[in-house]
Amino acid sequence: MRCPFCGNIDTQVKDSRPAEDHIAIRRRRSCPACGGRFTTYERVQLRDLVVIKKNGKREEFDRDKLERSIRIALQKRPIDPERVDQMISGIVRRLESLGETDVQSDKIGEIVMESLARIDTVAYVRFASVYKNFQEADDFEDFVQELRPTPTEEE
């Protein structure tokens, strides 16, 4: 593993343990050249996924890109980081278990929205605003209106 500080290719593992979600191995590493310390994660990857974008372009699935977009939606929300990591791992496992190597970007968006809706409605609306390409305040209003329960006749 290359040192992110000095580029030395000979780093040493100081400690290995399961990550919080028990789906990855967390390794603490140090660089003998510069003394830098850093952490790496090792995860099982069932298959290489390819994302088919709306315009037909194909690109390799990037877990980090998925994680960044979810963390942006959850920014300043009272959600435990461990729960976020579990959600992301669950989304990736679900995508890998679809049985296809090619996954439509729409399918990824739907799965992310389902997951966010279960843990935080504000993050769900934030993500939806980008995913569904809201252009005006009315788009938000219409979307939030769909989230509200319809009043029953007894009320």
Protein backbone atom coordinates (compact mmCIF):
# COMPACT_ATOMS: atom_id res chain seq x y z
CA MET A 1 0.00 0.00 0.00
CA ARG A 2 1.46 3.35 -1.05
CA CYS A 3 1.89 6.01 1.66
CA PRO A 4 -0.51 8.92 0.98
CA PHE A 5 2.01 11.36 2.51
CA CYS A 6 5.34 10.56 0.85
CA GLY A 7 4.47 7.96 -1.80
CA ASN A 8 6.65 5.21 -0.30
CA ILE A 9 5.36 1.81 -1.48
CA ASP A 10 6.57 -0.09 1.59
CA THR A 11 4.09 0.58 4.43
CA GLN A 12 3.49 -1.62 7.45
CA VAL A 13 0.23 -2.85 8.96
CA LYS A 14 0.20 -2.06 12.69
CA ASP A 15 -3.32 -3.24 13.55
CA SER A 16 -6.16 -5.07 11.79
CA ARG A 17 -9.71 -5.50 13.02
CA PRO A 18 -13.23 -5.76 11.66
CA ALA A 19 -14.81 -2.41 10.85
CA GLU A 20 -17.95 -1.35 12.72
CA ASP A 21 -20.24 -2.91 10.12
CA HIS A 22 -18.30 -6.22 10.18
CA ILE A 23 -18.27 -6.13 6.39
CA ALA A 24 -14.81 -4.63 6.04
CA ILE A 25 -11.39 -4.99 7.63
CA ARG A 26 -9.93 -1.80 9.09
CA ARG A 27 -6.12 -1.66 8.93
CA ARG A 28 -3.98 0.93 10.72
CA ARG A 29 -0.78 1.46 8.75
CA SER A 30 2.44 3.37 9.19
CA CYS A 31 5.15 4.44 6.81
CA PRO A 32 8.73 3.70 7.90
CA ALA A 33 10.06 6.38 5.52
CA CYS A 34 8.12 9.43 6.80
CA GLY A 35 6.46 8.10 9.97
CA GLY A 36 2.98 8.89 8.64
CA ARG A 37 0.03 6.90 9.99
CA PHE A 38 -3.17 6.20 8.05
CA THR A 39 -6.12 3.81 7.88
CA THR A 40 -7.25 1.61 5.01
CA TYR A 41 -10.38 -0.52 4.60
CA GLU A 42 -10.59 -3.83 2.80
CA ARG A 43 -14.03 -4.91 1.55
CA VAL A 44 -15.37 -7.91 -0.30
CA GLN A 45 -16.42 -7.05 -3.82
CA LEU A 46 -18.72 -9.63 -5.37
CA ARG A 47 -18.57 -8.27 -8.90
CA ASP A 48 -17.39 -5.25 -10.84
CA LEU A 49 -20.43 -3.06 -11.41
CA VAL A 50 -20.85 -0.72 -14.36
CA VAL A 51 -23.25 2.22 -14.11
CA ILE A 52 -25.34 3.04 -17.18
CA LYS A 53 -26.03 6.78 -17.05
CA LYS A 54 -29.21 8.40 -18.42
CA ASN A 55 -27.33 9.52 -21.54
CA GLY A 56 -26.16 5.94 -22.19
CA LYS A 57 -22.60 6.56 -21.04
CA ARG A 58 -21.04 3.71 -19.08
CA GLU A 59 -18.72 4.17 -16.11
CA GLU A 60 -17.29 1.98 -13.39
CA PHE A 61 -19.31 2.01 -10.15
CA ASP A 62 -17.57 4.16 -7.53
CA ARG A 63 -18.49 3.42 -3.91
CA ASP A 64 -16.76 6.64 -2.80
CA LYS A 65 -18.94 8.71 -5.15
CA LEU A 66 -22.05 7.05 -3.71
CA GLU A 67 -20.81 7.71 -0.18
CA ARG A 68 -20.05 11.38 -0.92
CA SER A 69 -23.53 12.02 -2.31
CA ILE A 70 -25.19 10.34 0.67
CA ARG A 71 -23.02 12.21 3.18
CA ILE A 72 -23.85 15.52 1.46
CA ALA A 73 -27.57 14.75 1.82
CA LEU A 74 -27.02 13.85 5.49
CA GLN A 75 -24.84 16.86 6.26
CA LYS A 76 -25.63 18.37 9.70
CA ARG A 77 -28.30 15.73 10.35
CA PRO A 78 -28.32 13.82 13.66
CA ILE A 79 -27.49 10.44 12.14
CA ASP A 80 -24.83 8.16 13.64
CA PRO A 81 -21.90 7.79 11.18
CA GLU A 82 -21.86 4.03 11.85
CA ARG A 83 -25.47 3.83 10.70
CA VAL A 84 -24.55 5.71 7.52
CA ASP A 85 -21.70 3.25 6.83
CA GLN A 86 -24.10 0.33 7.35
CA MET A 87 -26.61 1.91 4.98
CA ILE A 88 -23.96 2.43 2.28
CA SER A 89 -22.71 -1.15 2.64
CA GLY A 90 -26.30 -2.37 2.41
CA ILE A 91 -26.89 -0.39 -0.79
CA VAL A 92 -23.71 -1.78 -2.38
CA ARG A 93 -24.62 -5.35 -1.35
CA ARG A 94 -28.09 -4.87 -2.80
CA LEU A 95 -26.64 -3.61 -6.10
CA GLU A 96 -24.20 -6.52 -6.27
CA SER A 97 -26.95 -9.03 -5.51
CA LEU A 98 -29.12 -7.81 -8.41
CA GLY A 99 -27.30 -10.39 -10.50
CA GLU A 100 -26.34 -7.91 -13.22
CA THR A 101 -22.99 -6.25 -13.76
CA ASP A 102 -24.68 -3.34 -15.57
CA VAL A 103 -26.86 -1.19 -13.31
CA GLN A 104 -28.96 1.75 -14.48
CA SER A 105 -28.22 5.00 -12.58
CA ASP A 106 -31.98 5.33 -12.01
CA LYS A 107 -31.97 2.04 -10.09
CA ILE A 108 -29.14 3.26 -7.86
CA GLY A 109 -31.02 6.51 -7.21
CA GLU A 110 -34.19 4.63 -6.28
CA ILE A 111 -32.33 2.37 -3.84
CA VAL A 112 -30.57 5.34 -2.24
CA MET A 113 -33.85 7.23 -1.89
CA GLU A 114 -35.52 4.18 -0.28
CA SER A 115 -32.66 3.91 2.21
CA LEU A 116 -32.62 7.63 3.04
CA ALA A 117 -36.41 7.73 3.46
CA ARG A 118 -36.09 5.12 6.20
CA ILE A 119 -33.53 7.04 8.24
CA ASP A 120 -34.07 10.77 7.64
CA THR A 121 -36.76 12.61 5.67
CA VAL A 122 -34.73 15.83 5.37
CA ALA A 123 -31.83 13.94 3.78
CA TYR A 124 -34.36 12.13 1.59
CA VAL A 125 -35.72 15.45 0.28
CA ARG A 126 -32.20 16.86 -0.19
CA PHE A 127 -31.12 13.84 -2.23
CA ALA A 128 -34.37 13.87 -4.21
CA SER A 129 -33.87 17.53 -5.10
CA VAL A 130 -30.67 16.65 -6.94
CA TYR A 131 -31.74 13.22 -8.19
CA LYS A 132 -35.05 14.48 -9.58
CA ASN A 133 -33.45 17.75 -10.74
CA PHE A 134 -35.77 20.20 -8.97
CA GLN A 135 -35.77 23.54 -10.78
CA GLU A 136 -38.17 25.66 -8.72
CA ALA A 137 -39.51 25.95 -5.18
CA ASP A 138 -42.77 24.44 -6.43
CA ASP A 139 -40.90 21.21 -7.19
CA PHE A 140 -39.93 20.96 -3.50
CA GLU A 141 -43.44 21.79 -2.40
CA ASP A 142 -45.00 19.14 -4.66
CA PHE A 143 -42.50 16.51 -3.51
CA VAL A 144 -42.97 17.27 0.20
CA GLN A 145 -46.74 17.26 -0.28
CA GLU A 146 -46.46 13.68 -1.53
CA LEU A 147 -44.65 12.74 1.71
CA ARG A 148 -47.41 14.05 3.95
CA PRO A 149 -50.05 11.54 4.96
CA THR A 150 -53.47 12.20 3.47
CA PRO A 151 -56.08 13.09 6.06
CA THR A 152 -58.65 10.40 6.74
CA GLU A 153 -62.36 11.05 6.50
CA GLU A 154 -62.77 10.67 10.30
CA GLU A 155 -60.67 13.77 11.02
